[in-house]
């Protein structure tokens, strides 16, 4: 898809021309093979404020965002314009604020119930989502899916929307994210278009909102979403929501919203077990054109990646690219070389493990994490570690304080509040914390 330029927000600026210049900088900064595989497929989708939105194919988007976002920002900054930040969308996605008809489901067409791989960890969530798609407003309202990132919540929301687009074309359906809802609301306030915004969101039969944890800490947006929720619910419309945790754990979200999120059915989406991961990899491999004799390698990869589907996809892309560039066959030996084998947890996560994981993620030592440093990096890492310790253990605040340098109850409570506020307002930090949650909170259930 050739991206449409967002001229309303950035008048006179040709994003395609800008992107051509950025591309030239990227091509000069990395080897040709890296550019061809990871950067050439990117396309500009639009711009809002200081952010340039790029589309990227599903197979590379997570990897590019994780590995090349700093390089992309540097290349963009080199052009000297107002745009300074990079955000990623699925192919076919629209930048926040772009007009979209409510009846148009603009989602990845691969997000269907048929393509969703069902396992023990997501069977109930799949069944509930299908029930909502078949009988909106009659099965579960609202339906609230929760779980760490990368487990299929967005796929299920997309499957509901795509199902309704095909089988109930007369219904008005809108899919968005909490971040998209916020951006549209802010843009509407700035342009005095609040009434149009209300009409767009309250005259719906089905509203699907992904990642509602990002509503936290945005007082005016929370207020607007509260009234939107009430208007739709009282009008008999279906609401489907997702978040990275239970409604009750969204502690900085307004209590009245948390309460409403629990009116219907809240159901977890849990990490895939080994058989499910193997099936997912075989499907991805078929789509990538791999041969059947690669099954032993796929089985080895499934054993080594025990977190989520996004990481499976990223790991498979990595090994396919390496095999192609080095002319090596895809084999269990190559998987062992490229993907470290992580020891699976059989026991509950310890505070020491949490501290080590967070310290590694933030590039500091464990001593710095628990010590008295007031530098911004260690302080933020310490707050995140305290948040994850609170979530993953049954320890009291004083007990946690003793494990973090002998800090008192009020200091730990303050750290928790600051961490929750930071996660709700910083998308990059939220992704980092989500990945830590995936590795820390979910002991493996594989049986070798």
Protein backbone atom coordinates (compact mmCIF):
# COMPACT_ATOMS: atom_id res chain seq x y z
CA UNK A 1 0.00 0.00 0.00
CA UNK A 2 1.32 3.44 -0.90
CA UNK A 3 0.93 5.59 2.18
CA UNK A 4 -1.34 8.61 1.95
CA UNK A 5 0.27 11.89 2.99
CA UNK A 6 -1.12 13.58 6.09
CA UNK A 7 -1.26 17.08 4.59
CA UNK A 8 -3.89 18.47 6.98
CA UNK A 9 -1.51 18.26 9.93
CA UNK A 10 1.70 19.13 8.07
CA UNK A 11 0.68 21.47 5.23
CA UNK A 12 3.14 21.77 2.37
CA UNK A 13 5.38 18.96 3.51
CA UNK A 14 5.78 16.06 1.10
CA UNK A 15 6.38 13.06 3.33
CA UNK A 16 7.37 10.88 0.40
CA UNK A 17 10.15 13.32 -0.53
CA UNK A 18 11.22 13.53 3.12
CA UNK A 19 11.29 9.76 3.37
CA UNK A 20 13.44 9.49 0.23
CA UNK A 21 16.02 11.70 1.95
CA UNK A 22 15.82 9.69 5.18
CA UNK A 23 16.26 6.49 3.17
CA UNK A 24 19.45 7.83 1.65
CA UNK A 25 20.83 8.41 5.14
CA UNK A 26 19.80 4.93 6.27
CA UNK A 27 21.34 3.27 3.21
CA UNK A 28 24.64 5.02 3.94
CA UNK A 29 24.56 4.02 7.62
CA UNK A 30 24.10 0.24 7.36
CA UNK A 31 25.28 -2.65 5.16
CA UNK A 32 23.25 -3.27 1.99
CA UNK A 33 21.92 -6.58 3.30
CA UNK A 34 20.65 -4.95 6.51
CA UNK A 35 19.02 -2.15 4.56
CA UNK A 36 17.33 -4.53 2.11
CA UNK A 37 15.88 -6.85 4.79
CA UNK A 38 14.90 -4.45 7.56
CA UNK A 39 14.68 -0.86 6.34
CA UNK A 40 13.71 -0.83 2.67
CA UNK A 41 10.17 -2.22 3.34
CA UNK A 42 9.28 0.76 5.61
CA UNK A 43 6.87 3.36 4.22
CA UNK A 44 5.63 6.72 5.57
CA UNK A 45 1.97 6.61 6.60
CA UNK A 46 1.49 10.14 7.93
CA UNK A 47 2.63 12.62 10.52
CA UNK A 48 1.11 14.22 13.58
CA UNK A 49 2.80 16.72 15.84
CA UNK A 50 6.47 15.75 15.97
CA UNK A 51 5.88 12.08 15.10
CA UNK A 52 6.37 10.40 11.73
CA UNK A 53 4.30 7.22 11.41
CA UNK A 54 5.79 4.35 9.39
CA UNK A 55 4.16 1.17 8.17
CA UNK A 56 6.12 -2.06 8.40
CA UNK A 57 5.24 -5.64 7.48
CA UNK A 58 4.21 -7.81 10.42
CA UNK A 59 7.23 -10.08 9.98
CA UNK A 60 9.77 -7.34 10.69
CA UNK A 61 7.91 -4.56 12.55
CA UNK A 62 8.75 -5.63 16.12
CA UNK A 63 12.39 -6.32 15.28
CA UNK A 64 12.86 -3.02 13.42
CA UNK A 65 11.23 -1.07 16.24
CA UNK A 66 13.45 -2.72 18.83
CA UNK A 67 16.75 -2.60 16.91
CA UNK A 68 16.55 0.33 14.50
CA UNK A 69 14.31 2.98 16.09
CA UNK A 70 17.32 5.02 17.34
CA UNK A 71 18.91 4.92 13.87
CA UNK A 72 15.61 5.97 12.27
CA UNK A 73 15.23 8.89 14.68
CA UNK A 74 18.81 9.96 14.00
CA UNK A 75 18.28 9.86 10.23
CA UNK A 76 15.02 11.79 10.59
CA UNK A 77 16.66 14.42 12.81
CA UNK A 78 19.36 14.83 10.18
CA UNK A 79 16.78 16.37 7.85
CA UNK A 80 16.38 19.29 10.26
CA UNK A 81 12.58 19.49 10.25
CA UNK A 82 10.06 19.50 13.09
CA UNK A 83 9.55 15.74 12.95
CA UNK A 84 11.70 14.04 15.58
CA UNK A 85 9.91 10.87 16.71
CA UNK A 86 9.13 7.57 14.96
CA UNK A 87 6.09 5.34 15.51
CA UNK A 88 5.14 2.12 13.74
CA UNK A 89 1.87 0.88 12.28
CA UNK A 90 0.85 -2.39 10.68
CA UNK A 91 0.73 -2.34 6.89
CA UNK A 92 -2.54 -0.70 5.91
CA UNK A 93 -2.74 1.11 9.27
CA UNK A 94 -3.56 4.79 9.53
CA UNK A 95 -1.75 7.45 11.45
CA UNK A 96 -3.71 8.85 14.43
CA UNK A 97 -6.10 11.59 13.44
CA UNK A 98 -6.64 10.40 9.85
CA UNK A 99 -10.33 10.34 8.95
CA UNK A 100 -11.87 6.92 8.71
CA UNK A 101 -15.41 5.78 8.08
CA UNK A 102 -16.82 3.86 11.04
CA UNK A 103 -17.95 1.04 8.78
CA UNK A 104 -14.48 0.57 7.35
CA UNK A 105 -12.47 -2.06 9.19
CA UNK A 106 -8.86 -1.02 8.52
CA UNK A 107 -6.97 -3.95 10.03
CA UNK A 108 -4.51 -6.59 9.01
CA UNK A 109 -6.58 -9.05 6.93
CA UNK A 110 -4.61 -11.90 8.53
CA UNK A 111 -6.35 -11.15 11.82
CA UNK A 112 -9.08 -13.77 11.48
CA UNK A 113 -10.41 -16.51 13.71
CA UNK A 114 -9.28 -19.12 11.19
CA UNK A 115 -5.67 -17.97 11.42
CA UNK A 116 -5.62 -17.75 15.21
CA UNK A 117 -3.69 -20.72 16.63
CA UNK A 118 -5.64 -22.08 19.59
CA UNK A 119 -3.81 -23.52 22.60
CA UNK A 120 -4.53 -24.14 26.26
CA UNK A 121 -3.55 -20.57 27.18
CA UNK A 122 -5.93 -18.81 24.81
CA UNK A 123 -8.77 -21.26 24.15
CA UNK A 124 -11.26 -19.49 26.43
CA UNK A 125 -10.33 -16.05 25.08
CA UNK A 126 -10.80 -17.27 21.49
CA UNK A 127 -14.21 -18.77 22.33
CA UNK A 128 -15.38 -15.58 24.05
CA UNK A 129 -14.19 -13.38 21.15
CA UNK A 130 -15.96 -15.61 18.62
CA UNK A 131 -19.16 -15.50 20.66
CA UNK A 132 -19.03 -11.70 20.69
CA UNK A 133 -18.43 -11.59 16.93
CA UNK A 134 -21.36 -13.92 16.24
CA UNK A 135 -23.79 -12.20 18.62
CA UNK A 136 -22.56 -8.70 19.50
CA UNK A 137 -24.13 -7.17 22.63
CA UNK A 138 -25.68 -10.51 23.55
CA UNK A 139 -22.78 -12.64 24.79
CA UNK A 140 -20.36 -10.64 26.95
CA UNK A 141 -20.45 -6.88 27.25
CA UNK A 142 -17.89 -5.56 27.71
CA UNK A 143 -15.42 -8.29 26.80
CA UNK A 144 -12.08 -7.48 28.43
CA UNK A 145 -9.01 -9.46 27.25
CA UNK A 146 -5.89 -9.13 29.38
CA UNK A 147 -2.37 -10.48 29.33
CA UNK A 148 1.24 -9.56 28.53
CA UNK A 149 2.11 -8.16 25.08
CA UNK A 150 2.52 -10.43 22.08
CA UNK A 151 0.05 -13.16 22.99
CA UNK A 152 -2.73 -12.43 20.49
CA UNK A 153 -5.04 -9.87 22.06
CA UNK A 154 -4.78 -7.56 19.06
CA UNK A 155 -5.33 -10.52 16.75
CA UNK A 156 -8.58 -11.40 18.53
CA UNK A 157 -9.84 -7.80 18.44
CA UNK A 158 -8.98 -7.70 14.75
CA UNK A 159 -10.69 -11.04 14.17
CA UNK A 160 -13.91 -9.71 15.71
CA UNK A 161 -13.76 -6.58 13.55
CA UNK A 162 -12.97 -8.47 10.35
CA UNK A 163 -15.67 -11.06 11.06
CA UNK A 164 -18.27 -8.33 11.49
CA UNK A 165 -17.05 -6.54 8.36
CA UNK A 166 -17.75 -9.69 6.32
CA UNK A 167 -20.82 -11.10 8.08
CA UNK A 168 -22.57 -8.02 9.47
CA UNK A 169 -21.79 -5.26 6.99
CA UNK A 170 -24.72 -3.19 8.23
CA UNK A 171 -23.13 -2.65 11.64
CA UNK A 172 -20.91 0.36 12.34
CA UNK A 173 -17.63 -0.97 13.75
CA UNK A 174 -14.56 0.92 14.89
CA UNK A 175 -11.24 -0.47 16.05
CA UNK A 176 -8.69 1.81 17.69
CA UNK A 177 -6.05 1.86 20.41
CA UNK A 178 -6.14 3.90 23.61
CA UNK A 179 -3.28 5.94 22.16
CA UNK A 180 -5.23 6.50 18.93
CA UNK A 181 -8.35 7.49 20.89
CA UNK A 182 -6.27 9.98 22.89
CA UNK A 183 -4.62 11.48 19.82
CA UNK A 184 -7.95 11.89 18.03
CA UNK A 185 -9.51 13.48 21.10
CA UNK A 186 -6.64 15.95 21.54
CA UNK A 187 -6.74 16.82 17.83
CA UNK A 188 -10.51 17.37 18.06
CA UNK A 189 -10.12 19.74 21.01
CA UNK A 190 -7.47 21.74 19.17
CA UNK A 191 -9.62 22.06 16.07
CA UNK A 192 -12.90 22.71 17.92
CA UNK A 193 -14.22 19.45 16.55
CA UNK A 194 -15.31 17.86 19.82
CA UNK A 195 -18.89 17.31 18.65
CA UNK A 196 -17.69 15.52 15.51
CA UNK A 197 -15.44 13.36 17.68
CA UNK A 198 -18.36 12.43 19.92
CA UNK A 199 -20.51 11.58 16.92
CA UNK A 200 -17.72 9.43 15.47
CA UNK A 201 -17.34 7.39 18.66
CA UNK A 202 -20.83 7.30 20.13
CA UNK A 203 -22.78 6.47 16.98
CA UNK A 204 -21.39 2.93 16.79
CA UNK A 205 -22.65 -0.62 17.09
CA UNK A 206 -19.26 -2.07 18.09
CA UNK A 207 -16.21 -0.33 19.55
CA UNK A 208 -12.94 -2.24 20.01
CA UNK A 209 -10.15 -0.51 21.96
CA UNK A 210 -6.68 -2.04 22.32
CA UNK A 211 -4.21 -1.33 25.16
CA UNK A 212 -6.57 0.62 27.42
CA UNK A 213 -3.81 0.79 30.06
CA UNK A 214 -2.52 3.81 28.11
CA UNK A 215 -5.58 5.79 29.23
CA UNK A 216 -4.02 5.97 32.71
CA UNK A 217 -2.85 9.38 33.79
CA UNK A 218 -4.69 11.24 31.01
CA UNK A 219 -7.44 12.91 33.00
CA UNK A 220 -9.39 14.58 30.20
CA UNK A 221 -9.17 11.53 27.94
CA UNK A 222 -10.31 9.25 30.77
CA UNK A 223 -13.30 11.55 31.29
CA UNK A 224 -14.21 11.46 27.60
CA UNK A 225 -13.77 7.68 27.42
CA UNK A 226 -15.97 7.27 30.51
CA UNK A 227 -18.80 9.14 28.78
CA UNK A 228 -18.20 7.28 25.51
CA UNK A 229 -18.35 3.95 27.33
CA UNK A 230 -21.59 4.91 29.09
CA UNK A 231 -23.23 6.16 25.90
CA UNK A 232 -22.40 2.98 23.99
CA UNK A 233 -23.22 0.57 26.81
CA UNK A 234 -26.55 2.20 27.61
CA UNK A 235 -27.37 2.25 23.91
CA UNK A 236 -26.85 -1.51 23.65
CA UNK A 237 -23.59 -1.36 21.68
CA UNK A 238 -20.84 -3.93 22.09
CA UNK A 239 -17.53 -2.95 23.70
CA UNK A 240 -14.36 -5.05 23.45
CA UNK A 241 -11.28 -3.92 25.35
CA UNK A 242 -7.75 -5.21 25.92
CA UNK A 243 -4.97 -4.40 28.37
CA UNK A 244 -1.75 -5.88 29.68
CA UNK A 245 -3.34 -6.67 33.05
CA UNK A 246 -6.65 -7.08 34.87
CA UNK A 247 -8.90 -4.02 35.30
CA UNK A 248 -8.33 -4.14 39.05
CA UNK A 249 -4.57 -3.84 38.48
CA UNK A 250 -4.87 -0.60 36.47
CA UNK A 251 -4.32 1.22 39.72
CA UNK A 252 -3.91 4.75 38.36
CA UNK A 253 -7.01 4.52 36.16
CA UNK A 254 -10.15 6.16 37.52
CA UNK A 255 -12.05 3.75 39.78
CA UNK A 256 -15.31 4.28 37.88
CA UNK A 257 -13.65 3.12 34.64
CA UNK A 258 -12.07 0.09 36.31
CA UNK A 259 -15.49 -0.75 37.68
CA UNK A 260 -17.12 -0.57 34.24
CA UNK A 261 -14.41 -2.68 32.65
CA UNK A 262 -15.43 -5.47 35.03
CA UNK A 263 -19.14 -5.35 34.20
CA UNK A 264 -18.87 -8.05 31.57
CA UNK A 265 -16.29 -10.82 31.16
CA UNK A 266 -12.57 -10.31 31.89
CA UNK A 267 -10.58 -13.22 30.50
CA UNK A 268 -6.81 -13.85 30.29
CA UNK A 269 -4.73 -14.55 27.21
CA UNK A 270 -1.80 -16.62 28.43
CA UNK A 271 1.57 -17.56 26.90
CA UNK A 272 1.54 -20.40 24.34
CA UNK A 273 2.71 -23.85 25.42
CA UNK A 274 5.24 -25.85 23.41
CA UNK A 275 2.73 -27.56 21.04
CA UNK A 276 1.08 -24.21 20.29
CA UNK A 277 4.42 -22.53 19.63
CA UNK A 278 5.37 -25.34 17.26
CA UNK A 279 2.13 -24.97 15.29
CA UNK A 280 2.60 -21.20 15.07
CA UNK A 281 6.15 -21.62 13.75
CA UNK A 282 5.08 -24.18 11.16
CA UNK A 283 2.43 -21.83 9.85
CA UNK A 284 4.87 -18.91 9.71
CA UNK A 285 7.45 -21.14 8.03
CA UNK A 286 5.00 -22.26 5.33
CA UNK A 287 4.17 -18.64 4.62
CA UNK A 288 7.89 -17.87 4.34
CA UNK A 289 8.34 -20.70 1.82
CA UNK A 290 10.40 -23.02 4.02
CA UNK A 291 10.51 -26.73 3.22
CA UNK A 292 9.08 -29.54 5.29
CA UNK A 293 12.55 -30.85 6.19
CA UNK A 294 13.00 -27.78 8.38
CA UNK A 295 10.61 -29.16 11.03
CA UNK A 296 13.42 -30.30 13.35
CA UNK A 297 14.82 -26.76 13.32
CA UNK A 298 11.36 -25.32 14.02
CA UNK A 299 10.89 -27.69 16.94
CA UNK A 300 14.22 -26.55 18.38
CA UNK A 301 13.24 -22.90 17.94
CA UNK A 302 9.90 -23.53 19.68
CA UNK A 303 11.76 -25.02 22.64
CA UNK A 304 14.07 -22.02 22.91
CA UNK A 305 11.51 -19.20 22.61
CA UNK A 306 8.96 -19.60 25.39
CA UNK A 307 7.60 -16.08 25.72
CA UNK A 308 5.11 -14.93 23.09
CA UNK A 309 4.09 -15.11 19.44
CA UNK A 310 5.77 -11.84 18.49
CA UNK A 311 9.11 -13.13 19.73
CA UNK A 312 8.56 -16.37 17.84
CA UNK A 313 7.96 -14.41 14.66
CA UNK A 314 10.97 -12.17 15.27
CA UNK A 315 13.24 -15.13 16.04
CA UNK A 316 12.12 -16.98 12.91
CA UNK A 317 12.72 -13.89 10.78
CA UNK A 318 16.19 -13.56 12.31
CA UNK A 319 17.24 -17.13 11.56
CA UNK A 320 15.75 -17.09 8.04
CA UNK A 321 17.64 -13.90 7.27
CA UNK A 322 20.88 -15.31 8.69
CA UNK A 323 20.49 -18.56 6.77
CA UNK A 324 19.87 -16.63 3.56
CA UNK A 325 22.79 -14.22 4.01
CA UNK A 326 25.29 -16.93 4.99
CA UNK A 327 23.97 -19.67 2.65
CA UNK A 328 23.65 -21.99 5.66
CA UNK A 329 20.80 -24.53 5.86
CA UNK A 330 18.14 -23.94 8.49
CA UNK A 331 18.95 -26.58 11.10
CA UNK A 332 18.77 -27.24 14.84
CA UNK A 333 22.49 -26.43 14.98
CA UNK A 334 21.93 -23.01 13.40
CA UNK A 335 19.06 -22.34 15.84
CA UNK A 336 21.33 -23.26 18.76
CA UNK A 337 23.99 -20.89 17.42
CA UNK A 338 21.65 -17.92 16.98
CA UNK A 339 19.08 -18.31 19.78
CA UNK A 340 20.39 -18.76 23.33
CA UNK A 341 18.69 -21.52 25.26
CA UNK A 342 16.84 -20.07 28.22
CA UNK A 343 16.42 -22.26 31.26
CA UNK A 344 12.72 -22.67 31.88
CA UNK A 345 11.41 -21.72 35.28
CA UNK A 346 9.84 -24.42 37.38
CA UNK A 347 9.74 -22.35 40.56
CA UNK A 348 8.15 -18.97 41.26
CA UNK A 349 10.23 -15.97 40.25
CA UNK A 350 12.49 -14.67 43.01
CA UNK A 351 13.15 -11.02 43.77
CA UNK A 352 16.79 -11.58 42.86
CA UNK A 353 15.74 -12.80 39.39
CA UNK A 354 13.52 -9.76 38.96
CA UNK A 355 16.34 -7.43 39.99
CA UNK A 356 18.82 -9.13 37.66
CA UNK A 357 16.38 -9.03 34.72
CA UNK A 358 15.57 -5.36 35.21
CA UNK A 359 19.20 -4.39 35.74
CA UNK A 360 20.18 -6.15 32.51
CA UNK A 361 17.32 -4.53 30.60
CA UNK A 362 18.37 -1.04 31.77
CA UNK A 363 22.09 -1.65 31.34
CA UNK A 364 23.10 -1.21 34.99
CA UNK A 365 24.41 -3.51 37.72
CA UNK A 366 22.21 -5.07 40.37
CA UNK A 367 24.18 -3.13 42.98
CA UNK A 368 23.23 0.15 41.28
CA UNK A 369 19.61 -0.99 41.10
CA UNK A 370 19.22 -1.57 44.84
CA UNK A 371 21.72 1.08 45.94
CA UNK A 372 21.36 4.77 46.66
CA UNK A 373 22.08 6.27 43.25
CA UNK A 374 19.79 9.20 42.37
CA UNK A 375 20.79 9.25 38.68
CA UNK A 376 17.80 9.09 36.34
CA UNK A 377 18.65 5.67 34.86
CA UNK A 378 19.03 3.70 38.10
CA UNK A 379 16.05 5.51 39.67
CA UNK A 380 13.74 4.56 36.78
CA UNK A 381 15.07 1.00 36.74
CA UNK A 382 14.54 0.74 40.51
CA UNK A 383 10.94 1.96 40.21
CA UNK A 384 10.23 -0.61 37.48
CA UNK A 385 11.83 -3.40 39.52
CA UNK A 386 9.73 -2.47 42.56
CA UNK A 387 6.58 -2.47 40.40
CA UNK A 388 7.36 -5.93 39.00
CA UNK A 389 8.26 -7.24 42.46
CA UNK A 390 4.91 -6.04 43.78
CA UNK A 391 3.09 -7.75 40.89
CA UNK A 392 5.02 -11.04 40.92
CA UNK A 393 5.28 -11.70 44.66
CA UNK A 394 3.11 -11.62 47.75
CA UNK A 395 5.57 -9.46 49.67
CA UNK A 396 4.34 -6.48 51.69
CA UNK A 397 5.65 -2.98 51.03
CA UNK A 398 7.98 -3.05 54.08
CA UNK A 399 9.33 -6.45 52.96
CA UNK A 400 9.98 -5.09 49.46
CA UNK A 401 11.67 -2.06 50.96
CA UNK A 402 14.13 -4.22 52.89
CA UNK A 403 15.12 -5.95 49.61
CA UNK A 404 15.70 -2.61 47.92
CA UNK A 405 18.34 -1.09 50.12
CA UNK A 406 16.31 -0.87 53.33
CA UNK A 407 13.83 1.70 51.99
CA UNK A 408 10.74 2.46 54.03
CA UNK A 409 7.06 1.83 53.26
CA UNK A 410 6.31 5.34 51.95
CA UNK A 411 9.35 5.33 49.62
CA UNK A 412 8.27 2.04 48.06
CA UNK A 413 4.70 3.27 47.66
CA UNK A 414 5.96 6.44 45.97
CA UNK A 415 8.15 4.35 43.63
CA UNK A 416 5.13 2.23 42.67
CA UNK A 417 3.04 5.28 41.82
CA UNK A 418 5.84 6.87 39.81
CA UNK A 419 6.44 3.64 37.87
CA UNK A 420 2.74 3.24 37.03
CA UNK A 421 2.49 6.84 35.88
CA UNK A 422 5.63 6.52 33.73
CA UNK A 423 4.45 3.27 32.13
CA UNK A 424 1.05 4.77 31.31
CA UNK A 425 2.56 7.83 29.61
CA UNK A 426 5.67 6.41 27.91
CA UNK A 427 4.92 3.88 25.16
CA UNK A 428 8.55 2.80 24.81
CA UNK A 429 8.88 2.15 28.54
CA UNK A 430 5.55 0.33 28.52
CA UNK A 431 6.82 -2.03 25.83
CA UNK A 432 10.00 -2.64 27.80
CA UNK A 433 8.03 -3.37 30.99
CA UNK A 434 5.66 -5.60 29.02
CA UNK A 435 8.58 -7.68 27.78
CA UNK A 436 9.94 -7.92 31.32
CA UNK A 437 6.52 -9.01 32.56
CA UNK A 438 6.40 -11.71 29.88
CA UNK A 439 9.72 -13.19 31.01
CA UNK A 440 9.27 -12.68 34.75
CA UNK A 441 5.64 -13.43 35.49
CA UNK A 442 4.99 -16.50 33.41
CA UNK A 443 6.76 -19.70 34.44
CA UNK A 444 6.86 -22.28 31.68
CA UNK A 445 4.26 -25.03 31.56
CA UNK A 446 6.10 -27.14 28.98
CA UNK A 447 6.55 -30.82 29.66
CA UNK A 448 9.52 -32.35 27.91
